[in-house]
Amino acid sequence: MGLLDDKVVLVGGGSQGVGAAVARAAVRAGAVVAVSGRRTGPGEALVAELTEAGGKALFVRADLADPEQAKGSVARTVEEFGRIDCLVNSAGLTSRGTLLDTTPELFDAHVAINLKAPFFTMQAAVADMVAREAPGTIVNIITSSAHGGQPFLAPYVAAKAGLIGLTRNAAHAHRWDRIRINGLNIGWTATEGEDATQRAFHAAGDDWRDRAAARLPMGTLGQPDEIADCVVFLLSDRSGVVTGSVIDWDQNVLGALD
């Protein structure tokens, strides 16, 4: 039996990167999966891949920066599968900005994707669970940078740090509903989005992954499939009673100094 047999899982922002890896891992674990995202091409391609592998999957086109579309992704999942048991908020905006050069527009864009989107997606998912008097699980993909981060990530850090607080607040609020809500502070991860960011903002060449890995303790960037396995565990009953935890999934020990 799989860890998520017969569970209905929605992966927000799941058409690529960590979200896509979570969708694949959830299907392997026995779940029915809905994936939301802005881009129809990658989303439908992923669903076709999951279906060909024997899974049952749905793509929901949604711009999660719009709260109505964020909530609508939950409504569409419930319409198709009858309920939502698990939610993963994996969408993220990582465009650069410092305290001095971040515009209000850039700040608002980070809040919209990195904080407001998970807030209202969680709101809709928890409402379905509470209405059914059913337990559920939620995992928010956050970032180790939320502890402080680099100077060029000011609006990203501000929004993601807010998501840490939201994760704990919602977990506390709904613990008696048996809805468990946890988060992962992931470190530097090898994804399509990170590749685009490195090239766009840091003039990175084709060897940037190798150069980055050489500077890391384990000699490699974080891998989406490994993160996905941890997410599936947290979504499943095997993670027991754990709720309100924000786990630092990273190879650097925060707070330690050489």
Protein backbone atom coordinates (compact mmCIF):
# COMPACT_ATOMS: atom_id res chain seq x y z
CA MET A 1 0.00 0.00 0.00
CA GLY A 2 1.15 3.53 -0.75
CA LEU A 3 1.47 6.28 1.83
CA LEU A 4 -1.25 8.32 0.11
CA ASP A 5 -3.60 5.62 -1.16
CA ASP A 6 -6.97 7.10 -2.20
CA LYS A 7 -6.02 10.60 -1.03
CA VAL A 8 -6.91 13.63 -3.16
CA VAL A 9 -3.90 15.95 -3.34
CA LEU A 10 -3.75 19.45 -4.82
CA VAL A 11 -0.28 20.76 -5.66
CA GLY A 12 -0.40 24.52 -6.10
CA GLY A 13 2.19 25.76 -8.58
CA GLY A 14 2.94 22.17 -9.45
CA SER A 15 3.63 22.22 -13.17
CA GLN A 16 7.42 22.26 -12.80
CA GLY A 17 10.27 22.09 -10.29
CA VAL A 18 9.57 20.95 -6.75
CA GLY A 19 5.81 21.01 -7.33
CA ALA A 20 6.03 18.65 -10.30
CA ALA A 21 8.29 16.34 -8.30
CA VAL A 22 5.72 16.31 -5.50
CA ALA A 23 2.95 15.49 -7.97
CA ARG A 24 4.95 12.53 -9.32
CA ALA A 25 5.79 11.28 -5.83
CA ALA A 26 2.17 11.60 -4.69
CA VAL A 27 0.94 9.55 -7.64
CA ARG A 28 3.55 6.89 -6.91
CA ALA A 29 2.27 6.88 -3.31
CA GLY A 30 -1.27 6.13 -4.50
CA ALA A 31 -2.86 9.59 -4.57
CA VAL A 32 -5.18 11.22 -7.05
CA VAL A 33 -3.49 14.51 -7.95
CA ALA A 34 -4.60 17.92 -9.16
CA VAL A 35 -1.91 20.36 -10.29
CA SER A 36 -2.48 24.10 -10.63
CA GLY A 37 -0.43 26.67 -12.48
CA ARG A 38 -0.48 29.52 -14.97
CA ARG A 39 1.07 27.72 -17.94
CA THR A 40 -1.22 25.29 -19.70
CA GLY A 41 1.48 23.55 -21.77
CA PRO A 42 3.70 22.30 -18.93
CA GLY A 43 0.68 21.55 -16.74
CA GLU A 44 -1.07 19.40 -19.32
CA ALA A 45 2.22 17.69 -20.24
CA LEU A 46 2.75 16.73 -16.59
CA VAL A 47 -0.79 15.41 -16.26
CA ALA A 48 -0.32 13.34 -19.44
CA GLU A 49 2.90 11.94 -17.97
CA LEU A 50 1.19 11.03 -14.69
CA THR A 51 -1.75 9.46 -16.51
CA GLU A 52 0.51 7.40 -18.76
CA ALA A 53 2.24 6.15 -15.61
CA GLY A 54 -1.08 4.80 -14.36
CA GLY A 55 -2.12 7.70 -12.15
CA LYS A 56 -5.23 9.84 -12.09
CA ALA A 57 -4.48 13.54 -12.49
CA LEU A 58 -6.02 16.88 -13.37
CA PHE A 59 -4.53 20.20 -14.47
CA VAL A 60 -6.22 23.35 -13.17
CA ARG A 61 -5.15 26.54 -14.91
CA ALA A 62 -4.92 29.26 -12.27
CA ASP A 63 -2.95 32.44 -11.69
CA LEU A 64 -2.44 31.95 -7.97
CA ALA A 65 -1.61 35.64 -7.50
CA ASP A 66 -5.37 36.19 -7.84
CA PRO A 67 -7.06 35.03 -4.61
CA GLU A 68 -10.23 34.08 -6.47
CA GLN A 69 -8.28 31.82 -8.82
CA ALA A 70 -6.32 30.39 -5.90
CA LYS A 71 -9.56 29.47 -4.15
CA GLY A 72 -10.98 28.35 -7.47
CA SER A 73 -8.23 25.76 -7.85
CA VAL A 74 -9.52 24.08 -4.69
CA ALA A 75 -13.12 24.33 -5.90
CA ARG A 76 -12.19 22.71 -9.22
CA THR A 77 -10.38 19.89 -7.41
CA VAL A 78 -13.40 19.25 -5.19
CA GLU A 79 -15.72 19.42 -8.21
CA GLU A 80 -13.66 16.78 -10.05
CA PHE A 81 -12.78 14.43 -7.19
CA GLY A 82 -15.40 15.15 -4.53
CA ARG A 83 -13.07 16.45 -1.83
CA ILE A 84 -9.54 17.59 -1.00
CA ASP A 85 -7.49 15.64 1.53
CA CYS A 86 -4.04 17.17 1.10
CA LEU A 87 -2.65 20.48 -0.14
CA VAL A 88 0.88 21.43 -1.10
CA ASN A 89 1.68 25.10 -1.70
CA SER A 90 4.78 25.03 -3.88
CA ALA A 91 4.42 28.15 -6.05
CA GLY A 92 7.17 30.70 -5.56
CA LEU A 93 8.47 33.95 -6.99
CA THR A 94 12.23 34.51 -6.58
CA SER A 95 12.89 37.68 -8.59
CA ARG A 96 15.56 39.85 -7.00
CA GLY A 97 15.26 43.04 -5.00
CA THR A 98 17.11 44.70 -2.13
CA LEU A 99 15.71 46.90 0.61
CA LEU A 100 16.84 49.96 -1.35
CA ASP A 101 15.76 49.09 -4.89
CA THR A 102 12.56 47.07 -4.38
CA THR A 103 9.56 48.88 -5.84
CA PRO A 104 6.08 48.65 -4.36
CA GLU A 105 5.06 46.69 -7.46
CA LEU A 106 7.81 44.09 -6.94
CA PHE A 107 7.01 43.83 -3.24
CA ASP A 108 3.32 43.30 -4.00
CA ALA A 109 4.16 40.62 -6.59
CA HIS A 110 6.15 38.67 -3.99
CA VAL A 111 3.41 38.94 -1.40
CA ALA A 112 0.81 37.86 -3.96
CA ILE A 113 2.58 34.60 -4.90
CA ASN A 114 4.61 33.77 -1.79
CA LEU A 115 2.09 34.65 0.91
CA LYS A 116 -1.37 35.62 -0.32
CA ALA A 117 -1.69 32.63 -2.68
CA PRO A 118 -1.02 30.00 0.00
CA PHE A 119 -3.22 31.89 2.46
CA PHE A 120 -6.32 31.76 0.27
CA THR A 121 -5.64 28.30 -1.12
CA MET A 122 -5.36 27.04 2.45
CA GLN A 123 -8.52 28.92 3.38
CA ALA A 124 -10.52 27.10 0.70
CA ALA A 125 -8.96 23.69 1.40
CA VAL A 126 -9.49 23.92 5.16
CA ALA A 127 -13.08 25.07 4.62
CA ASP A 128 -13.77 21.88 2.64
CA MET A 129 -12.16 19.70 5.31
CA VAL A 130 -14.02 21.41 8.16
CA ALA A 131 -17.35 21.21 6.32
CA ARG A 132 -16.88 17.45 5.94
CA GLU A 133 -15.54 17.10 9.50
CA ALA A 134 -12.62 15.27 7.92
CA PRO A 135 -8.92 15.35 8.77
CA GLY A 136 -6.42 16.70 6.28
CA THR A 137 -2.81 17.66 5.78
CA ILE A 138 -1.07 20.67 4.27
CA VAL A 139 2.60 21.27 3.48
CA ASN A 140 3.92 24.72 2.59
CA ILE A 141 7.18 24.90 0.62
CA ILE A 142 9.04 27.82 2.17
CA THR A 143 12.79 28.60 2.12
CA SER A 144 15.78 28.57 4.43
CA SER A 145 16.30 32.20 3.34
CA ALA A 146 13.24 33.10 5.42
CA HIS A 147 15.60 33.14 8.42
CA GLY A 148 17.31 36.21 6.95
CA GLY A 149 18.55 35.43 3.48
CA GLN A 150 20.71 37.35 1.07
CA PRO A 151 20.44 41.14 0.65
CA PHE A 152 19.10 40.73 -2.90
CA LEU A 153 16.13 38.67 -1.68
CA ALA A 154 14.47 41.31 0.52
CA PRO A 155 10.85 41.07 -0.74
CA TYR A 156 11.10 37.28 -1.13
CA VAL A 157 12.33 36.89 2.44
CA ALA A 158 9.64 39.23 3.78
CA ALA A 159 6.85 37.24 2.14
CA LYS A 160 8.22 33.78 2.92
CA ALA A 161 8.88 34.71 6.55
CA GLY A 162 5.21 35.63 6.69
CA LEU A 163 4.38 32.16 5.37
CA ILE A 164 6.26 30.61 8.29
CA GLY A 165 4.06 32.54 10.71
CA LEU A 166 0.94 31.63 8.75
CA THR A 167 1.87 27.94 8.78
CA ARG A 168 2.15 27.89 12.55
CA ASN A 169 -0.93 30.05 13.11
CA ALA A 170 -3.15 27.90 10.89
CA ALA A 171 -1.78 24.69 12.40
CA HIS A 172 -2.65 25.94 15.88
CA ALA A 173 -6.08 27.17 14.81
CA HIS A 174 -7.11 23.86 13.25
CA ARG A 175 -5.39 21.26 15.39
CA TRP A 176 -8.73 20.25 16.96
CA ASP A 177 -10.09 19.73 13.44
CA ARG A 178 -7.30 17.16 12.97
CA ILE A 179 -5.89 19.23 10.11
CA ARG A 180 -2.11 19.08 10.26
CA ILE A 181 -0.15 21.92 8.65
CA ASN A 182 3.63 21.90 8.31
CA GLY A 183 6.31 23.62 6.26
CA LEU A 184 9.68 22.90 4.66
CA ASN A 185 12.40 25.54 4.57
CA ILE A 186 14.27 24.22 1.55
CA GLY A 187 17.78 25.29 0.63
CA TRP A 188 19.36 25.87 -2.78
CA THR A 189 17.60 23.45 -5.13
CA ALA A 190 18.23 22.37 -8.72
CA THR A 191 15.03 23.31 -10.55
CA GLU A 192 14.07 24.78 -13.92
CA GLY A 193 13.04 27.98 -12.18
CA GLU A 194 16.36 28.30 -10.37
CA ASP A 195 18.19 27.79 -13.66
CA ALA A 196 16.21 30.64 -15.23
CA THR A 197 16.82 32.86 -12.19
CA GLN A 198 20.56 32.26 -12.18
CA ARG A 199 20.81 33.09 -15.86
CA ALA A 200 18.56 36.15 -15.69
CA PHE A 201 19.92 37.78 -12.54
CA HIS A 202 23.44 36.42 -12.06
CA ALA A 203 24.74 35.97 -15.63
CA ALA A 204 25.23 32.26 -14.93
CA GLY A 205 26.58 29.96 -17.62
CA ASP A 206 25.85 26.34 -18.37
CA ASP A 207 28.20 25.21 -15.60
CA TRP A 208 26.52 27.13 -12.79
CA ARG A 209 25.16 23.98 -11.11
CA ASP A 210 28.62 22.39 -10.93
CA ARG A 211 30.14 25.62 -9.62
CA ALA A 212 27.39 25.99 -7.03
CA ALA A 213 27.64 22.38 -5.92
CA ALA A 214 31.37 22.73 -5.34
CA ARG A 215 30.65 25.41 -2.74
CA LEU A 216 28.16 23.29 -0.78
CA PRO A 217 29.00 20.85 2.05
CA MET A 218 27.42 17.79 0.39
CA GLY A 219 28.76 18.65 -3.05
CA THR A 220 25.31 18.89 -4.62
CA LEU A 221 22.29 21.15 -4.74
CA GLY A 222 19.05 19.95 -3.19
CA GLN A 223 17.14 17.60 -5.46
CA PRO A 224 13.40 18.02 -6.10
CA ASP A 225 12.67 14.29 -5.89
CA GLU A 226 14.23 14.09 -2.42
CA ILE A 227 12.17 17.06 -1.23
CA ALA A 228 9.09 15.44 -2.74
CA ASP A 229 9.61 12.25 -0.74
CA CYS A 230 9.74 14.32 2.46
CA VAL A 231 6.56 16.16 1.47
CA VAL A 232 4.72 12.88 0.85
CA PHE A 233 5.78 11.67 4.28
CA LEU A 234 4.45 14.84 5.92
CA LEU A 235 1.18 14.54 4.00
CA SER A 236 0.75 10.93 5.07
CA ASP A 237 -0.44 9.34 8.29
CA ARG A 238 3.11 8.06 8.85
CA SER A 239 4.11 11.53 10.07
CA GLY A 240 1.77 10.94 12.97
CA VAL A 241 0.60 13.91 15.00
CA VAL A 242 3.20 16.40 13.75
CA THR A 243 1.73 19.82 13.07
CA GLY A 244 2.98 23.40 13.16
CA SER A 245 6.53 22.28 12.39
CA VAL A 246 8.70 24.21 9.94
CA ILE A 247 11.61 21.94 9.05
CA ASP A 248 14.93 23.28 7.78
CA TRP A 249 15.55 20.97 4.82
CA ASP A 250 19.07 22.16 4.07
CA GLN A 251 22.74 21.21 4.27
CA ASN A 252 23.86 24.35 6.06
CA VAL A 253 23.28 24.50 9.80
CA LEU A 254 21.52 27.76 10.50
CA GLY A 255 22.95 29.71 13.40
CA ALA A 256 26.29 27.87 13.34
CA LEU A 257 29.51 29.68 12.44
CA ASP A 258 33.00 28.56 11.37
